[in-house]
Amino acid sequence: MPGPLTKVGTKVDLSYGIYIYAFPIQQCLTLWQVNRHGYTVYSLVSLVLAAAAAFLSWHLVEKPSLRLKDLGLRRPPRTAPQGNRPPAVPGPGAAEPVAETAAAR
């Protein structure tokens, strides 16, 4: 990306909020007949309201939630089952496994 654009979205990321809120806002604006004022007015009002909702969502929901991701809660390591594994089921069209003989072991 060009130099000036590399910092876009590093401090405040409104993309998800705009994605989530734009459609319901547009539906409400249509319900309230804002679209009768023309496409340009409808689009500008929709964009301003969606950006405002996304900004509030970022600061009130997303950013505080992102702070919680590093609380230090760790999951226990996953261990592979020891010996009690079910036999593998061959897929359709797969050759049947050859039985082991005592000499092959």
C-alpha atoms as a PDB file:
ATOM      1  CA  MET A   1       0.000   0.000   0.000  1.00  0.00           C
ATOM      2  CA  PRO A   2       1.142   3.557  -0.507  1.00  0.00           C
ATOM      3  CA  GLY A   3       2.885   5.107   2.516  1.00  0.00           C
ATOM      4  CA  PRO A   4       0.080   7.389   3.753  1.00  0.00           C
ATOM      5  CA  LEU A   5      -2.477   4.555   3.627  1.00  0.00           C
ATOM      6  CA  THR A   6      -0.519   2.116   5.799  1.00  0.00           C
ATOM      7  CA  LYS A   7      -1.844   3.698   9.004  1.00  0.00           C
ATOM      8  CA  VAL A   8      -5.533   3.550   8.022  1.00  0.00           C
ATOM      9  CA  GLY A   9      -7.441   1.548  10.617  1.00  0.00           C
ATOM     10  CA  THR A  10      -4.597   1.189  13.113  1.00  0.00           C
ATOM     11  CA  LYS A  11      -6.191   3.366  15.827  1.00  0.00           C
ATOM     12  CA  VAL A  12      -9.939   3.114  15.140  1.00  0.00           C
ATOM     13  CA  ASP A  13     -11.415   0.397  12.931  1.00  0.00           C
ATOM     14  CA  LEU A  14     -14.919   1.325  11.850  1.00  0.00           C
ATOM     15  CA  SER A  15     -15.199  -1.245   9.077  1.00  0.00           C
ATOM     16  CA  TYR A  16     -17.034  -3.914  11.080  1.00  0.00           C
ATOM     17  CA  GLY A  17     -19.431  -1.403  12.626  1.00  0.00           C
ATOM     18  CA  ILE A  18     -20.284   0.077   9.241  1.00  0.00           C
ATOM     19  CA  TYR A  19     -20.783  -3.438   7.887  1.00  0.00           C
ATOM     20  CA  ILE A  20     -23.146  -4.332  10.752  1.00  0.00           C
ATOM     21  CA  TYR A  21     -25.120  -1.092  11.060  1.00  0.00           C
ATOM     22  CA  ALA A  22     -25.401   0.195   7.480  1.00  0.00           C
ATOM     23  CA  PHE A  23     -28.177  -2.145   6.339  1.00  0.00           C
ATOM     24  CA  PRO A  24     -30.541  -1.618   9.308  1.00  0.00           C
ATOM     25  CA  ILE A  25     -29.972   2.141   9.109  1.00  0.00           C
ATOM     26  CA  GLN A  26     -30.749   2.156   5.384  1.00  0.00           C
ATOM     27  CA  GLN A  27     -33.901   0.147   6.006  1.00  0.00           C
ATOM     28  CA  CYS A  28     -35.047   2.605   8.677  1.00  0.00           C
ATOM     29  CA  LEU A  29     -34.318   5.569   6.431  1.00  0.00           C
ATOM     30  CA  THR A  30     -36.399   3.981   3.687  1.00  0.00           C
ATOM     31  CA  LEU A  31     -39.183   3.269   6.162  1.00  0.00           C
ATOM     32  CA  TRP A  32     -39.101   6.940   7.190  1.00  0.00           C
ATOM     33  CA  GLN A  33     -39.129   7.877   3.479  1.00  0.00           C
ATOM     34  CA  VAL A  34     -35.814   9.736   3.488  1.00  0.00           C
ATOM     35  CA  ASN A  35     -35.191   8.252   0.033  1.00  0.00           C
ATOM     36  CA  ARG A  36     -37.845  10.567  -1.451  1.00  0.00           C
ATOM     37  CA  HIS A  37     -35.304  13.406  -1.126  1.00  0.00           C
ATOM     38  CA  GLY A  38     -33.083  11.746  -3.724  1.00  0.00           C
ATOM     39  CA  TYR A  39     -30.319   9.187  -3.858  1.00  0.00           C
ATOM     40  CA  THR A  40     -27.550  11.607  -2.885  1.00  0.00           C
ATOM     41  CA  VAL A  41     -29.288  12.803   0.282  1.00  0.00           C
ATOM     42  CA  TYR A  42     -30.291   9.240   1.181  1.00  0.00           C
ATOM     43  CA  SER A  43     -26.736   7.966   0.690  1.00  0.00           C
ATOM     44  CA  LEU A  44     -25.106  10.795   2.640  1.00  0.00           C
ATOM     45  CA  VAL A  45     -27.510  10.477   5.577  1.00  0.00           C
ATOM     46  CA  SER A  46     -27.018   6.714   5.542  1.00  0.00           C
ATOM     47  CA  LEU A  47     -23.227   7.043   5.497  1.00  0.00           C
ATOM     48  CA  VAL A  48     -23.153   9.627   8.300  1.00  0.00           C
ATOM     49  CA  LEU A  49     -25.474   7.614  10.545  1.00  0.00           C
ATOM     50  CA  ALA A  50     -23.655   4.320   9.867  1.00  0.00           C
ATOM     51  CA  ALA A  51     -20.268   5.933  10.584  1.00  0.00           C
ATOM     52  CA  ALA A  52     -21.627   7.444  13.820  1.00  0.00           C
ATOM     53  CA  ALA A  53     -23.045   4.080  14.915  1.00  0.00           C
ATOM     54  CA  ALA A  54     -19.763   2.362  14.010  1.00  0.00           C
ATOM     55  CA  PHE A  55     -17.765   4.961  15.959  1.00  0.00           C
ATOM     56  CA  LEU A  56     -19.925   4.447  19.050  1.00  0.00           C
ATOM     57  CA  SER A  57     -19.740   0.689  18.642  1.00  0.00           C
ATOM     58  CA  TRP A  58     -15.942   0.793  18.372  1.00  0.00           C
ATOM     59  CA  HIS A  59     -15.503   2.878  21.519  1.00  0.00           C
ATOM     60  CA  LEU A  60     -18.270   1.341  23.652  1.00  0.00           C
ATOM     61  CA  VAL A  61     -18.135  -2.338  22.633  1.00  0.00           C
ATOM     62  CA  GLU A  62     -15.259  -3.454  20.425  1.00  0.00           C
ATOM     63  CA  LYS A  63     -12.299  -1.639  21.994  1.00  0.00           C
ATOM     64  CA  PRO A  64     -13.200  -2.611  25.591  1.00  0.00           C
ATOM     65  CA  SER A  65     -13.747  -6.191  24.410  1.00  0.00           C
ATOM     66  CA  LEU A  66     -10.335  -6.301  22.771  1.00  0.00           C
ATOM     67  CA  ARG A  67      -8.755  -5.330  26.100  1.00  0.00           C
ATOM     68  CA  LEU A  68     -10.251  -8.477  27.647  1.00  0.00           C
ATOM     69  CA  LYS A  69      -8.562 -10.840  25.209  1.00  0.00           C
ATOM     70  CA  ASP A  70      -5.237 -10.704  27.074  1.00  0.00           C
ATOM     71  CA  LEU A  71      -6.407 -11.373  30.609  1.00  0.00           C
ATOM     72  CA  GLY A  72      -3.899 -14.159  30.950  1.00  0.00           C
ATOM     73  CA  LEU A  73      -6.451 -16.928  30.824  1.00  0.00           C
ATOM     74  CA  ARG A  74      -4.722 -19.843  29.203  1.00  0.00           C
ATOM     75  CA  ARG A  75      -6.269 -23.030  27.909  1.00  0.00           C
ATOM     76  CA  PRO A  76      -4.666 -26.271  28.992  1.00  0.00           C
ATOM     77  CA  PRO A  77      -2.552 -27.839  26.258  1.00  0.00           C
ATOM     78  CA  ARG A  78      -4.320 -30.353  24.079  1.00  0.00           C
ATOM     79  CA  THR A  79      -2.890 -33.828  24.353  1.00  0.00           C
ATOM     80  CA  ALA A  80      -3.312 -36.617  21.851  1.00  0.00           C
ATOM     81  CA  PRO A  81      -5.336 -39.611  23.058  1.00  0.00           C
ATOM     82  CA  GLN A  82      -3.136 -42.456  24.250  1.00  0.00           C
ATOM     83  CA  GLY A  83      -4.016 -45.824  22.725  1.00  0.00           C
ATOM     84  CA  ASN A  84      -7.825 -45.550  22.712  1.00  0.00           C
ATOM     85  CA  ARG A  85      -8.121 -44.207  19.193  1.00  0.00           C
ATOM     86  CA  PRO A  86     -10.934 -45.616  17.064  1.00  0.00           C
ATOM     87  CA  PRO A  87      -9.867 -47.354  13.861  1.00  0.00           C
ATOM     88  CA  ALA A  88      -9.680 -45.167  10.773  1.00  0.00           C
ATOM     89  CA  VAL A  89     -12.624 -45.575   8.425  1.00  0.00           C
ATOM     90  CA  PRO A  90     -11.595 -45.636   4.765  1.00  0.00           C
ATOM     91  CA  GLY A  91     -13.399 -43.222   2.495  1.00  0.00           C
ATOM     92  CA  PRO A  92     -15.562 -44.318  -0.444  1.00  0.00           C
ATOM     93  CA  GLY A  93     -13.529 -45.970  -3.127  1.00  0.00           C
ATOM     94  CA  ALA A  94     -10.491 -46.448  -0.883  1.00  0.00           C
ATOM     95  CA  ALA A  95      -8.676 -49.750  -0.936  1.00  0.00           C
ATOM     96  CA  GLU A  96      -9.190 -52.032   2.028  1.00  0.00           C
ATOM     97  CA  PRO A  97      -6.218 -52.083   4.417  1.00  0.00           C
ATOM     98  CA  VAL A  98      -4.025 -55.126   4.239  1.00  0.00           C
ATOM     99  CA  ALA A  99      -4.043 -57.188   7.434  1.00  0.00           C
ATOM    100  CA  GLU A 100      -0.713 -57.309   9.268  1.00  0.00           C
ATOM    101  CA  THR A 101       0.927 -60.626   9.650  1.00  0.00           C
ATOM    102  CA  ALA A 102       3.142 -61.753  12.503  1.00  0.00           C
ATOM    103  CA  ALA A 103       6.144 -61.710  10.132  1.00  0.00           C
ATOM    104  CA  ALA A 104       5.513 -58.072   9.143  1.00  0.00           C
ATOM    105  CA  ARG A 105       5.725 -56.861  12.732  1.00  0.00           C
END
